[in-house]
Amino acid sequence: MSQIRITQVKSGIGRPERQKRTLHALGLRHPHAVAVHHSNPQILGMVAKVAHLVKVEAI
């Protein structure tokens, strides 16, 4: 299973609570935070919900 590196590029301040919780669940607490996850449907769905706040790279 491949992995992806998720980097938060924009702040969650002023965003809906649901998006803030999604960032937190991905392990992103502040801008420029980086998290590495396995590329599975659950993670990819979460990334899709906050795609405008993060950058995704395949590892």
N, C-alpha and C. Protein backbone atom coordinates (compact mmCIF):
# COMPACT_ATOMS: atom_id res chain seq x y z
N MET A 1 0.84 -1.17 0.00
CA MET A 1 0.00 0.00 0.00
C MET A 1 0.89 1.24 0.00
N SER A 2 0.60 2.17 -0.88
CA SER A 2 1.43 3.37 -0.98
C SER A 2 1.10 4.36 0.14
N GLN A 3 2.02 5.27 0.33
CA GLN A 3 1.84 6.29 1.35
C GLN A 3 1.77 7.66 0.71
N ILE A 4 1.13 8.60 1.41
CA ILE A 4 1.07 9.98 0.94
C ILE A 4 1.53 10.90 2.06
N ARG A 5 2.15 12.00 1.65
CA ARG A 5 2.58 13.04 2.59
C ARG A 5 1.60 14.20 2.43
N ILE A 6 0.96 14.59 3.53
CA ILE A 6 -0.02 15.66 3.51
C ILE A 6 0.57 16.84 4.27
N THR A 7 0.63 18.00 3.61
CA THR A 7 1.16 19.21 4.21
C THR A 7 0.06 20.26 4.27
N GLN A 8 -0.16 20.82 5.43
CA GLN A 8 -1.16 21.88 5.57
C GLN A 8 -0.54 23.18 5.06
N VAL A 9 -1.21 23.83 4.09
CA VAL A 9 -0.67 25.06 3.51
C VAL A 9 -1.49 26.29 3.89
N LYS A 10 -2.70 26.09 4.38
CA LYS A 10 -3.53 27.21 4.82
C LYS A 10 -4.07 26.91 6.21
N SER A 11 -4.40 27.96 6.93
CA SER A 11 -4.90 27.82 8.30
C SER A 11 -6.35 27.36 8.32
N GLY A 12 -6.72 26.73 9.42
CA GLY A 12 -8.10 26.31 9.63
C GLY A 12 -8.95 27.39 10.28
N ILE A 13 -8.33 28.51 10.63
CA ILE A 13 -9.07 29.60 11.27
C ILE A 13 -10.10 30.16 10.30
N GLY A 14 -11.31 30.34 10.78
CA GLY A 14 -12.37 30.89 9.95
C GLY A 14 -13.04 29.86 9.06
N ARG A 15 -12.65 28.61 9.18
CA ARG A 15 -13.24 27.52 8.38
C ARG A 15 -14.36 26.87 9.19
N PRO A 16 -15.27 26.17 8.51
CA PRO A 16 -16.32 25.45 9.24
C PRO A 16 -15.72 24.43 10.21
N GLU A 17 -16.43 24.18 11.29
CA GLU A 17 -15.95 23.26 12.33
C GLU A 17 -15.65 21.88 11.74
N ARG A 18 -16.41 21.44 10.78
CA ARG A 18 -16.20 20.13 10.18
C ARG A 18 -14.82 20.05 9.51
N GLN A 19 -14.42 21.11 8.83
CA GLN A 19 -13.11 21.12 8.19
C GLN A 19 -12.00 21.18 9.23
N LYS A 20 -12.20 21.91 10.30
CA LYS A 20 -11.20 21.96 11.37
C LYS A 20 -11.01 20.58 11.98
N ARG A 21 -12.09 19.87 12.20
CA ARG A 21 -12.00 18.52 12.78
C ARG A 21 -11.33 17.55 11.82
N THR A 22 -11.57 17.72 10.53
CA THR A 22 -10.92 16.86 9.55
C THR A 22 -9.42 17.08 9.54
N LEU A 23 -8.99 18.34 9.58
CA LEU A 23 -7.55 18.63 9.67
C LEU A 23 -6.95 17.99 10.91
N HIS A 24 -7.64 18.13 12.03
CA HIS A 24 -7.15 17.58 13.29
C HIS A 24 -7.05 16.05 13.21
N ALA A 25 -8.05 15.42 12.59
CA ALA A 25 -8.05 13.96 12.46
C ALA A 25 -6.92 13.48 11.55
N LEU A 26 -6.52 14.30 10.60
CA LEU A 26 -5.40 13.95 9.74
C LEU A 26 -4.06 14.16 10.44
N GLY A 27 -4.07 14.78 11.60
CA GLY A 27 -2.84 15.02 12.35
C GLY A 27 -2.20 16.35 12.02
N LEU A 28 -2.97 17.25 11.44
CA LEU A 28 -2.45 18.57 11.06
C LEU A 28 -2.96 19.59 12.05
N ARG A 29 -2.05 20.18 12.83
CA ARG A 29 -2.45 21.07 13.90
C ARG A 29 -2.23 22.54 13.57
N HIS A 30 -1.32 22.82 12.62
CA HIS A 30 -0.99 24.21 12.29
C HIS A 30 -0.47 24.25 10.86
N PRO A 31 -0.45 25.43 10.23
CA PRO A 31 0.09 25.52 8.88
C PRO A 31 1.53 25.02 8.81
N HIS A 32 1.86 24.38 7.72
CA HIS A 32 3.16 23.78 7.44
C HIS A 32 3.41 22.50 8.24
N ALA A 33 2.38 22.00 8.91
CA ALA A 33 2.50 20.71 9.58
C ALA A 33 2.46 19.61 8.51
N VAL A 34 3.16 18.52 8.75
CA VAL A 34 3.23 17.42 7.80
C VAL A 34 2.79 16.14 8.48
N ALA A 35 1.99 15.35 7.75
CA ALA A 35 1.56 14.05 8.25
C ALA A 35 1.72 13.03 7.12
N VAL A 36 2.09 11.81 7.48
CA VAL A 36 2.24 10.73 6.50
C VAL A 36 1.21 9.67 6.83
N HIS A 37 0.43 9.28 5.82
CA HIS A 37 -0.62 8.28 5.99
C HIS A 37 -0.57 7.29 4.84
N HIS A 38 -1.14 6.10 5.08
CA HIS A 38 -1.34 5.15 3.99
C HIS A 38 -2.45 5.67 3.11
N SER A 39 -2.32 5.45 1.83
CA SER A 39 -3.31 5.91 0.87
C SER A 39 -4.46 4.91 0.82
N ASN A 40 -5.50 5.16 1.62
CA ASN A 40 -6.69 4.30 1.61
C ASN A 40 -7.92 5.18 1.39
N PRO A 41 -9.07 4.60 1.08
CA PRO A 41 -10.26 5.40 0.76
C PRO A 41 -10.67 6.37 1.87
N GLN A 42 -10.50 5.99 3.12
CA GLN A 42 -10.89 6.87 4.23
C GLN A 42 -10.03 8.13 4.26
N ILE A 43 -8.74 7.96 4.15
CA ILE A 43 -7.82 9.11 4.18
C ILE A 43 -8.02 9.97 2.94
N LEU A 44 -8.17 9.36 1.77
CA LEU A 44 -8.35 10.13 0.54
C LEU A 44 -9.66 10.93 0.57
N GLY A 45 -10.69 10.39 1.21
CA GLY A 45 -11.94 11.11 1.36
C GLY A 45 -11.78 12.32 2.27
N MET A 46 -11.02 12.16 3.34
CA MET A 46 -10.76 13.28 4.25
C MET A 46 -9.95 14.36 3.54
N VAL A 47 -8.96 13.94 2.76
CA VAL A 47 -8.14 14.90 2.03
C VAL A 47 -9.00 15.66 1.02
N ALA A 48 -9.93 14.99 0.38
CA ALA A 48 -10.80 15.64 -0.60
C ALA A 48 -11.64 16.74 0.05
N LYS A 49 -12.05 16.56 1.30
CA LYS A 49 -12.86 17.54 1.99
C LYS A 49 -12.09 18.81 2.34
N VAL A 50 -10.78 18.69 2.49
CA VAL A 50 -9.97 19.86 2.84
C VAL A 50 -8.88 20.10 1.80
N ALA A 51 -9.15 19.73 0.54
CA ALA A 51 -8.15 19.82 -0.53
C ALA A 51 -7.65 21.25 -0.73
N HIS A 52 -8.48 22.24 -0.42
CA HIS A 52 -8.10 23.63 -0.60
C HIS A 52 -7.17 24.13 0.51
N LEU A 53 -6.96 23.30 1.54
CA LEU A 53 -6.11 23.69 2.67
C LEU A 53 -4.81 22.90 2.74
N VAL A 54 -4.70 21.85 1.93
CA VAL A 54 -3.54 20.95 2.02
C VAL A 54 -2.89 20.72 0.67
N LYS A 55 -1.65 20.20 0.73
CA LYS A 55 -0.92 19.77 -0.46
C LYS A 55 -0.60 18.30 -0.24
N VAL A 56 -0.80 17.47 -1.26
CA VAL A 56 -0.59 16.02 -1.14
C VAL A 56 0.49 15.58 -2.10
N GLU A 57 1.41 14.74 -1.59
CA GLU A 57 2.48 14.18 -2.40
C GLU A 57 2.55 12.69 -2.17
N ALA A 58 2.77 11.93 -3.23
CA ALA A 58 2.99 10.49 -3.09
C ALA A 58 4.42 10.26 -2.63
N ILE A 59 4.60 9.28 -1.77
CA ILE A 59 5.94 8.94 -1.27
C ILE A 59 6.41 7.68 -1.98
